[in-house]
Protein backbone atom coordinates (compact mmCIF):
# COMPACT_ATOMS: atom_id res chain seq x y z
CA UNK A 1 -14.43 -92.29 -188.88
CA UNK A 2 -13.19 -95.35 -186.55
CA UNK A 3 -16.40 -95.31 -184.59
CA UNK A 4 -17.80 -97.02 -187.78
CA UNK A 5 -15.73 -99.45 -188.33
CA UNK A 6 -16.35 -103.07 -186.43
CA UNK A 7 -13.88 -104.83 -185.12
CA UNK A 8 -13.27 -107.33 -189.00
CA UNK A 9 -13.08 -104.35 -190.33
CA UNK A 10 -10.15 -102.57 -187.68
CA UNK A 11 -8.34 -106.00 -188.16
CA UNK A 12 -7.92 -105.97 -191.30
CA UNK A 13 -6.80 -102.03 -191.80
CA UNK A 14 -4.40 -102.78 -188.84
CA UNK A 15 -3.16 -106.11 -191.01
CA UNK A 16 -2.53 -103.95 -194.26
CA UNK A 17 -1.03 -101.34 -192.26
CA UNK A 18 1.29 -104.17 -190.86
CA UNK A 19 2.14 -105.73 -194.31
CA UNK A 20 2.84 -102.29 -195.35
CA UNK A 21 5.40 -101.52 -192.60
CA UNK A 22 7.04 -105.10 -193.21
CA UNK A 23 7.63 -103.91 -197.21
CA UNK A 24 9.51 -100.76 -195.86
CA UNK A 25 12.06 -103.00 -193.73
CA UNK A 26 12.33 -105.45 -197.03
CA UNK A 27 13.26 -102.06 -198.87
CA UNK A 28 16.09 -101.40 -196.48
CA UNK A 29 17.68 -105.21 -197.18
CA UNK A 30 17.40 -104.69 -200.79
CA UNK A 31 19.52 -101.60 -200.33
CA UNK A 32 22.39 -103.91 -198.73
CA UNK A 33 22.05 -106.72 -200.74
CA UNK A 34 24.82 -108.59 -198.53
CA UNK A 35 22.60 -109.03 -195.85
CA UNK A 36 20.37 -111.14 -197.80
CA UNK A 37 21.24 -114.81 -198.18
CA UNK A 38 23.47 -115.71 -201.35
CA UNK A 39 23.27 -112.28 -202.78
CA UNK A 40 26.87 -110.70 -202.32
CA UNK A 41 27.27 -107.76 -204.49
CA UNK A 42 29.18 -109.24 -206.85
CA UNK A 43 26.22 -111.74 -207.74
CA UNK A 44 24.21 -109.34 -209.62
CA UNK A 45 22.06 -111.80 -211.26
CA UNK A 46 21.43 -114.33 -208.08
CA UNK A 47 20.63 -111.34 -206.10
CA UNK A 48 18.10 -110.15 -208.59
CA UNK A 49 16.68 -113.29 -208.22
CA UNK A 50 16.21 -113.37 -205.02
CA UNK A 51 14.82 -110.13 -204.57
CA UNK A 52 12.54 -111.08 -207.04
CA UNK A 53 11.45 -113.79 -204.99
CA UNK A 54 10.83 -112.42 -201.66
CA UNK A 55 9.27 -109.40 -203.66
CA UNK A 56 6.58 -111.93 -205.31
CA UNK A 57 5.41 -113.91 -202.25
CA UNK A 58 5.56 -110.10 -200.17
CA UNK A 59 3.03 -108.93 -203.04
CA UNK A 60 0.83 -111.92 -203.27
CA UNK A 61 0.58 -112.12 -199.48
CA UNK A 62 -0.64 -109.10 -199.53
CA UNK A 63 -3.10 -109.51 -202.19
CA UNK A 64 -4.08 -112.93 -201.01
CA UNK A 65 -5.10 -110.85 -197.48
CA UNK A 66 -6.97 -108.33 -199.06
CA UNK A 67 -8.92 -111.03 -200.61
CA UNK A 68 -9.45 -113.12 -198.00
CA UNK A 69 -10.46 -110.22 -195.29
CA UNK A 70 -13.42 -108.85 -197.86
CA UNK A 71 -15.84 -109.57 -196.00
CA UNK A 72 -14.90 -111.79 -193.20
CA UNK A 73 -16.90 -113.32 -190.47
CA UNK A 74 -20.17 -112.36 -193.40
CA UNK A 75 -20.64 -115.53 -195.23
CA UNK A 76 -19.45 -119.20 -193.84
CA UNK A 77 -16.20 -120.41 -195.02
CA UNK A 78 -15.49 -122.25 -197.60
CA UNK A 79 -12.84 -124.62 -198.82
CA UNK A 80 -11.67 -122.09 -201.31
CA UNK A 81 -11.17 -119.83 -197.92
CA UNK A 82 -8.43 -122.64 -196.81
CA UNK A 83 -6.95 -122.80 -199.65
CA UNK A 84 -6.28 -119.16 -199.50
CA UNK A 85 -5.00 -119.86 -195.66
CA UNK A 86 -2.68 -122.09 -197.02
CA UNK A 87 -1.58 -119.15 -199.78
CA UNK A 88 -1.03 -116.89 -197.36
CA UNK A 89 0.95 -118.92 -194.79
CA UNK A 90 3.33 -120.62 -197.60
CA UNK A 91 3.97 -116.75 -198.86
CA UNK A 92 4.64 -115.56 -195.28
CA UNK A 93 7.30 -118.81 -194.34
CA UNK A 94 8.81 -117.23 -198.17
CA UNK A 95 9.61 -113.87 -196.84
CA UNK A 96 11.26 -115.20 -194.30
CA UNK A 97 13.24 -117.76 -196.30
CA UNK A 98 13.78 -115.67 -199.57
CA UNK A 99 14.89 -111.93 -197.45
CA UNK A 100 17.27 -114.28 -194.67
CA UNK A 101 14.93 -112.36 -191.80
CA UNK A 102 12.30 -112.84 -189.02
CA UNK A 103 9.96 -110.52 -190.98
CA UNK A 104 8.06 -113.43 -192.37
CA UNK A 105 7.24 -114.24 -188.58
CA UNK A 106 5.97 -110.55 -187.93
CA UNK A 107 3.55 -111.34 -191.40
CA UNK A 108 2.44 -114.94 -189.48
CA UNK A 109 1.57 -112.65 -186.58
CA UNK A 110 -1.11 -110.89 -189.38
CA UNK A 111 -2.19 -114.11 -190.71
CA UNK A 112 -2.71 -114.90 -187.06
CA UNK A 113 -5.56 -112.78 -186.95
CA UNK A 114 -7.33 -114.41 -189.56
CA UNK A 115 -7.54 -117.87 -187.93
CA UNK A 116 -10.44 -117.70 -185.39
CA UNK A 117 -12.67 -116.21 -188.14
CA UNK A 118 -11.62 -119.15 -190.92
CA UNK A 119 -10.76 -121.86 -188.61
CA UNK A 120 -11.66 -124.10 -185.45
CA UNK A 121 -10.11 -123.17 -182.50
CA UNK A 122 -7.84 -126.60 -181.97
CA UNK A 123 -6.83 -126.11 -185.92
CA UNK A 124 -6.43 -122.50 -185.79
CA UNK A 125 -4.17 -122.69 -182.92
CA UNK A 126 -1.87 -125.82 -184.26
CA UNK A 127 -2.18 -123.87 -187.35
CA UNK A 128 -0.31 -121.22 -185.65
CA UNK A 129 2.16 -123.37 -183.52
CA UNK A 130 3.70 -124.75 -186.65
CA UNK A 131 3.56 -122.36 -189.08
CA UNK A 132 5.94 -120.20 -186.79
CA UNK A 133 8.19 -123.63 -185.76
CA UNK A 134 8.39 -123.44 -190.03
CA UNK A 135 10.66 -120.60 -189.72
CA UNK A 136 13.28 -122.53 -187.32
CA UNK A 137 15.82 -123.36 -190.77
CA UNK A 138 15.95 -119.52 -191.46
CA UNK A 139 17.58 -118.78 -187.95
CA UNK A 140 19.69 -121.62 -188.23
CA UNK A 141 21.24 -120.67 -191.45
CA UNK A 142 23.82 -117.73 -191.96
CA UNK A 143 23.49 -115.10 -191.19
CA UNK A 144 21.67 -115.99 -188.40
CA UNK A 145 23.27 -119.11 -187.31
CA UNK A 146 21.42 -119.69 -184.10
CA UNK A 147 21.98 -123.27 -182.59
CA UNK A 148 18.90 -125.16 -183.07
CA UNK A 149 17.36 -124.79 -179.59
CA UNK A 150 17.67 -120.79 -179.60
CA UNK A 151 16.06 -120.93 -182.89
CA UNK A 152 13.32 -122.88 -182.06
CA UNK A 153 13.03 -120.41 -178.79
CA UNK A 154 13.58 -117.92 -181.01
CA UNK A 155 10.47 -119.23 -183.53
CA UNK A 156 8.13 -119.98 -180.43
CA UNK A 157 9.07 -116.25 -179.18
CA UNK A 158 6.96 -114.95 -182.25
CA UNK A 159 4.18 -117.82 -182.14
CA UNK A 160 3.79 -116.05 -178.34
CA UNK A 161 3.27 -112.70 -180.01
CA UNK A 162 1.08 -113.96 -183.26
CA UNK A 163 -1.11 -115.87 -180.18
CA UNK A 164 -1.76 -112.57 -178.55
CA UNK A 165 -3.04 -111.56 -182.30
CA UNK A 166 -4.93 -114.84 -182.84
CA UNK A 167 -7.00 -114.30 -178.56
CA UNK A 168 -7.35 -110.60 -179.95
CA UNK A 169 -9.46 -111.63 -183.05
CA UNK A 170 -10.88 -114.80 -181.47
CA UNK A 171 -12.34 -112.15 -179.00
CA UNK A 172 -13.41 -109.85 -181.61
CA UNK A 173 -14.95 -112.71 -183.49
CA UNK A 174 -17.03 -113.87 -180.60
CA UNK A 175 -18.14 -110.17 -179.84
CA UNK A 176 -19.54 -109.67 -183.58
CA UNK A 177 -21.61 -113.00 -183.47
CA UNK A 178 -22.56 -111.93 -180.21
CA UNK A 179 -23.48 -108.57 -181.77
CA UNK A 180 -25.41 -110.19 -185.01
CA UNK A 181 -27.23 -112.93 -182.34
CA UNK A 182 -28.54 -109.98 -180.02
CA UNK A 183 -29.30 -108.13 -183.76
CA UNK A 184 -31.28 -111.08 -184.66
CA UNK A 185 -33.45 -111.63 -181.20
CA UNK A 186 -34.22 -107.61 -181.73
CA UNK A 187 -35.78 -107.95 -184.97
CA UNK A 188 -37.47 -111.22 -183.69
CA UNK A 189 -38.57 -109.83 -180.58
CA UNK A 190 -39.48 -106.55 -182.09
CA UNK A 191 -41.61 -108.50 -184.81
CA UNK A 192 -43.14 -110.45 -182.27
CA UNK A 193 -44.23 -107.64 -180.05
CA UNK A 194 -45.80 -105.66 -183.72
CA UNK A 195 -47.55 -109.28 -183.72
CA UNK A 196 -48.66 -109.23 -180.46
CA UNK A 197 -49.51 -105.72 -180.87
CA UNK A 198 -51.96 -106.19 -183.70
CA UNK A 199 -53.52 -109.54 -182.14
CA UNK A 200 -54.21 -107.51 -179.27
CA UNK A 201 -56.00 -104.87 -181.43
CA UNK A 202 -58.07 -107.36 -183.20
CA UNK A 203 -58.87 -109.19 -179.50
CA UNK A 204 -60.47 -105.72 -178.02
CA UNK A 205 -62.38 -105.07 -181.18
CA UNK A 206 -63.80 -108.34 -181.35
CA UNK A 207 -64.48 -108.33 -177.86
CA UNK A 208 -65.95 -105.15 -178.46
CA UNK A 209 -68.47 -105.86 -181.62
CA UNK A 210 -68.78 -109.15 -179.50
CA UNK A 211 -70.24 -107.23 -176.14
CA UNK A 212 -72.48 -104.70 -178.47
CA UNK A 213 -73.98 -107.11 -180.88
CA UNK A 214 -75.03 -109.19 -177.33
CA UNK A 215 -76.01 -106.32 -175.13
CA UNK A 216 -76.83 -103.54 -177.09
CA UNK A 217 -78.40 -105.52 -180.52
CA UNK A 218 -80.35 -108.03 -177.99
CA UNK A 219 -82.11 -104.90 -176.20
CA UNK A 220 -82.63 -102.89 -179.10
CA UNK A 221 -84.22 -106.00 -180.48
CA UNK A 222 -86.57 -106.23 -177.18
CA UNK A 223 -87.11 -102.95 -177.32
CA UNK A 224 -88.21 -103.32 -180.83
CA UNK A 225 -90.69 -105.83 -180.07
CA UNK A 226 -92.09 -104.04 -177.29
CA UNK A 227 -92.55 -100.94 -179.24
CA UNK A 228 -94.63 -102.83 -181.90
CA UNK A 229 -96.74 -104.74 -179.50
CA UNK A 230 -97.39 -101.10 -177.80
CA UNK A 231 -98.34 -100.08 -181.21
CA UNK A 232 -100.98 -102.59 -181.54
CA UNK A 233 -102.20 -101.65 -178.05
CA UNK A 234 -102.22 -97.56 -178.55
CA UNK A 235 -104.56 -95.29 -180.25
CA UNK A 236 -104.77 -91.83 -180.68
CA UNK A 237 -101.79 -89.31 -180.31
CA UNK A 238 -100.01 -91.81 -178.36
CA UNK A 239 -99.65 -94.10 -181.45
CA UNK A 240 -97.45 -91.63 -182.88
CA UNK A 241 -95.58 -91.15 -180.68
CA UNK A 242 -94.77 -94.90 -180.10
CA UNK A 243 -94.52 -95.45 -184.14
CA UNK A 244 -91.37 -92.64 -183.62
CA UNK A 245 -90.15 -94.67 -180.80
CA UNK A 246 -90.39 -97.76 -182.87
CA UNK A 247 -88.71 -96.49 -186.04
CA UNK A 248 -85.76 -94.75 -184.17
CA UNK A 249 -85.19 -98.18 -182.40
CA UNK A 250 -85.00 -99.95 -185.66
CA UNK A 251 -82.31 -97.09 -186.97
CA UNK A 252 -80.86 -97.45 -183.91
CA UNK A 253 -80.57 -101.44 -183.84
CA UNK A 254 -79.13 -101.12 -187.52
CA UNK A 255 -76.74 -98.80 -186.56
CA UNK A 256 -75.41 -101.33 -183.74
CA UNK A 257 -75.32 -103.75 -186.65
CA UNK A 258 -73.33 -101.49 -189.20
CA UNK A 259 -70.86 -100.41 -186.21
CA UNK A 260 -70.63 -104.42 -185.11
CA UNK A 261 -69.87 -105.52 -188.85
CA UNK A 262 -66.98 -102.73 -189.10
CA UNK A 263 -65.59 -103.41 -185.83
CA UNK A 264 -65.17 -107.23 -187.29
CA UNK A 265 -63.79 -106.40 -190.76
CA UNK A 266 -61.35 -103.94 -189.42
CA UNK A 267 -60.31 -106.90 -186.85
CA UNK A 268 -57.11 -108.38 -189.23
CA UNK A 269 -53.62 -108.38 -188.76
CA UNK A 270 -51.21 -106.52 -190.84
CA UNK A 271 -48.63 -109.21 -191.32
CA UNK A 272 -46.45 -106.79 -193.29
CA UNK A 273 -45.99 -104.27 -190.31
CA UNK A 274 -45.20 -107.54 -188.81
CA UNK A 275 -42.17 -109.25 -191.16
CA UNK A 276 -40.57 -105.85 -192.59
CA UNK A 277 -37.97 -105.36 -189.41
CA UNK A 278 -36.92 -109.13 -189.73
CA UNK A 279 -35.19 -107.79 -193.04
CA UNK A 280 -33.42 -104.97 -191.79
CA UNK A 281 -29.99 -104.52 -190.82
CA UNK A 282 -28.79 -108.06 -191.90
CA UNK A 283 -25.27 -107.80 -192.46
CA UNK A 284 -23.81 -109.22 -195.22
CA UNK A 285 -27.25 -110.09 -196.39
CA UNK A 286 -29.30 -107.69 -198.58
CA UNK A 287 -32.83 -108.36 -198.46
CA UNK A 288 -35.88 -107.03 -201.09
CA UNK A 289 -39.56 -107.78 -198.90
CA UNK A 290 -41.90 -107.15 -201.56
CA UNK A 291 -45.46 -107.38 -199.53
CA UNK A 292 -48.96 -106.84 -201.68
CA UNK A 293 -50.62 -104.17 -199.63
CA UNK A 294 -52.85 -104.59 -197.53
CA UNK A 295 -52.35 -108.35 -196.92
CA UNK A 296 -54.27 -108.89 -193.92
CA UNK A 297 -54.81 -112.24 -192.11
CA UNK A 298 -57.60 -112.79 -189.13
CA UNK A 299 -56.25 -115.45 -187.49
CA UNK A 300 -53.21 -114.60 -185.05
CA UNK A 301 -51.60 -118.39 -185.05
CA UNK A 302 -51.54 -118.07 -188.76
CA UNK A 303 -49.60 -114.63 -188.86
CA UNK A 304 -47.63 -116.43 -186.38
CA UNK A 305 -46.68 -118.83 -188.61
CA UNK A 306 -45.25 -116.70 -191.55
CA UNK A 307 -43.38 -114.88 -189.04
CA UNK A 308 -41.38 -118.08 -187.53
CA UNK A 309 -41.04 -119.35 -191.24
CA UNK A 310 -39.39 -115.73 -192.32
CA UNK A 311 -37.28 -115.68 -189.37
CA UNK A 312 -36.24 -119.59 -190.81
CA UNK A 313 -35.37 -118.45 -194.39
CA UNK A 314 -33.21 -115.70 -193.20
CA UNK A 315 -31.26 -117.05 -190.75
CA UNK A 316 -31.11 -120.13 -193.15
CA UNK A 317 -29.52 -118.29 -195.89
CA UNK A 318 -26.79 -116.09 -193.48
CA UNK A 319 -25.60 -119.13 -191.83
CA UNK A 320 -25.78 -122.02 -194.42
CA UNK A 321 -26.01 -120.44 -198.34
CA UNK A 322 -23.43 -118.01 -198.42
CA UNK A 323 -25.36 -115.26 -200.14
CA UNK A 324 -25.51 -111.82 -201.33
CA UNK A 325 -29.29 -111.24 -201.86
CA UNK A 326 -32.45 -112.40 -200.47
CA UNK A 327 -35.82 -111.50 -202.29
CA UNK A 328 -38.88 -112.61 -200.29
CA UNK A 329 -42.37 -111.97 -202.03
CA UNK A 330 -45.85 -112.53 -200.44
CA UNK A 331 -49.26 -112.46 -202.07
CA UNK A 332 -52.08 -113.66 -201.23
CA UNK A 333 -54.24 -115.80 -203.92
CA UNK A 334 -57.60 -117.72 -203.90
CA UNK A 335 -57.79 -117.96 -200.09
CA UNK A 336 -54.16 -118.65 -199.43
CA UNK A 337 -51.20 -116.59 -198.47
CA UNK A 338 -48.13 -117.31 -201.07
CA UNK A 339 -44.39 -117.02 -200.18
CA UNK A 340 -41.31 -117.34 -202.52
CA UNK A 341 -38.02 -116.71 -201.21
CA UNK A 342 -35.03 -117.55 -203.11
CA UNK A 343 -31.01 -116.49 -202.72
CA UNK A 344 -27.70 -116.12 -204.72
CA UNK A 345 -25.88 -118.60 -202.83
CA UNK A 346 -24.08 -121.54 -203.61
CA UNK A 347 -26.92 -123.80 -204.00
CA UNK A 348 -26.71 -127.69 -203.59
CA UNK A 349 -26.49 -130.48 -205.89
CA UNK A 350 -29.60 -132.55 -203.24
CA UNK A 351 -31.88 -131.20 -200.22
CA UNK A 352 -31.13 -131.78 -196.60
CA UNK A 353 -33.82 -131.33 -194.65
CA UNK A 354 -32.47 -129.99 -191.34
CA UNK A 355 -34.44 -128.95 -187.95
CA UNK A 356 -35.38 -125.86 -189.55
CA UNK A 357 -36.89 -126.70 -192.69
CA UNK A 358 -38.64 -129.62 -191.02
CA UNK A 359 -40.12 -127.56 -188.36
CA UNK A 360 -41.00 -125.07 -190.85
CA UNK A 361 -43.18 -128.07 -192.77
CA UNK A 362 -44.67 -129.17 -189.89
CA UNK A 363 -45.79 -125.58 -188.62
CA UNK A 364 -47.37 -125.21 -192.17
CA UNK A 365 -48.93 -128.84 -192.58
CA UNK A 366 -50.53 -128.15 -188.83
CA UNK A 367 -52.37 -125.43 -191.06
CA UNK A 368 -53.56 -126.56 -194.38
CA UNK A 369 -50.46 -125.51 -195.90
CA UNK A 370 -47.47 -126.67 -197.76
CA UNK A 371 -43.69 -126.06 -198.65
CA UNK A 372 -42.02 -127.09 -201.73
CA UNK A 373 -37.93 -126.34 -202.43
CA UNK A 374 -36.16 -126.28 -205.56
CA UNK A 375 -31.83 -125.60 -205.66
CA UNK A 376 -29.13 -126.35 -207.83
CA UNK A 377 -25.71 -125.90 -207.42
CA UNK A 378 -24.40 -122.20 -207.79
CA UNK A 379 -27.79 -121.22 -208.79
CA UNK A 380 -29.33 -120.80 -204.88
CA UNK A 381 -32.03 -121.82 -203.18
CA UNK A 382 -36.19 -121.44 -204.08
CA UNK A 383 -38.63 -122.10 -201.45
CA UNK A 384 -42.44 -122.04 -201.92
CA UNK A 385 -44.81 -121.58 -198.77
CA UNK A 386 -48.71 -121.46 -199.33
CA UNK A 387 -50.49 -121.22 -195.92
CA UNK A 388 -54.61 -120.79 -196.40
CA UNK A 389 -55.80 -118.20 -194.79
CA UNK A 390 -58.23 -119.91 -192.34
CA UNK A 391 -59.82 -123.08 -191.73
CA UNK A 392 -62.52 -122.76 -193.94
CA UNK A 393 -59.99 -122.19 -196.82
CA UNK A 394 -57.65 -124.90 -195.66
CA UNK A 395 -60.90 -127.38 -196.43
CA UNK A 396 -61.73 -126.34 -199.33
CA UNK A 397 -58.49 -126.17 -200.90
CA UNK A 398 -58.33 -130.18 -199.94
CA UNK A 399 -61.67 -130.53 -201.26
CA UNK A 400 -60.45 -129.12 -204.60
CA UNK A 401 -57.19 -131.29 -204.55
CA UNK A 402 -59.30 -134.22 -203.67
């Protein structure tokens, strides 16, 4: 079972387990009312109020932690995640204040496992240190009654434990990112390999068809002409054999031309086989790719443009869109390959053209294609690509637009 859990899942369950163990300690404090600040046995109402407070912040911590870790590392960090992190930190500190114990510092260790995933490194370290220092008044007040310096050392001790959790989570995050980058590179490598194999197949068929046409075709044509001349110069039974040889030469020439035509007709690249590996096993994103079959291109360079554009679309959605689903549709229509892609991410009020989108547009324009983008807040991104299947189709399209 553990082999099926990734780093973020294991950290999540370890945090929930630690949170549960802290609950047992809080329950033991509940059984000893005198250990709680202001909770002497004779002050039942104040005691119940105090217990209600720490129970509320304790349960809130568990609920917020469960929610914020449900898809840890799979989506881009948002301001809402930072708000939840602030609530989580406040709940952990509240547990220490309302229970008069250092159990809140233990929950801060659990929270430290989230900091690398949600904050930049320097801000995460500062957050860890200051959140632990905020517990100093608990150690200074009764029943602890520590001197301020000792209380500060106690808090820094807990901060040291939290830093160990922080570094563990940081390593886990870096490994998860490296694994995702490796998956992306493997998918791109596999797609490129398939495209190169298709291109090699197309080039080989073209070479064979050219050799058949240039060598056999020309020689058979010359043979047929010579046999026709021989037919005019020959008489008797020899003429019958010359005519038969002439007929066979014409039939063989026809067969060669048909073979050359079939080789050239079958020398197209299957775009679908090259694009589908890009949509496989993308963490946190369900990609539905619908491609008309067969979707063939004669030009390997145009197939490469479609491959790079598809890669860029998937990368942008994973890194920036905060989406769970991506739909990609490809079809051939009127001498053009049309691609429509849309996601269910957060969208934007206006389109900001970055290097990725700019590169896509430049590739498409170079081959007579075009790119249009449509987006609205909370409505995701919609991209529409059009790429002529050949230079002739691009010229015809420009002539129609003119």
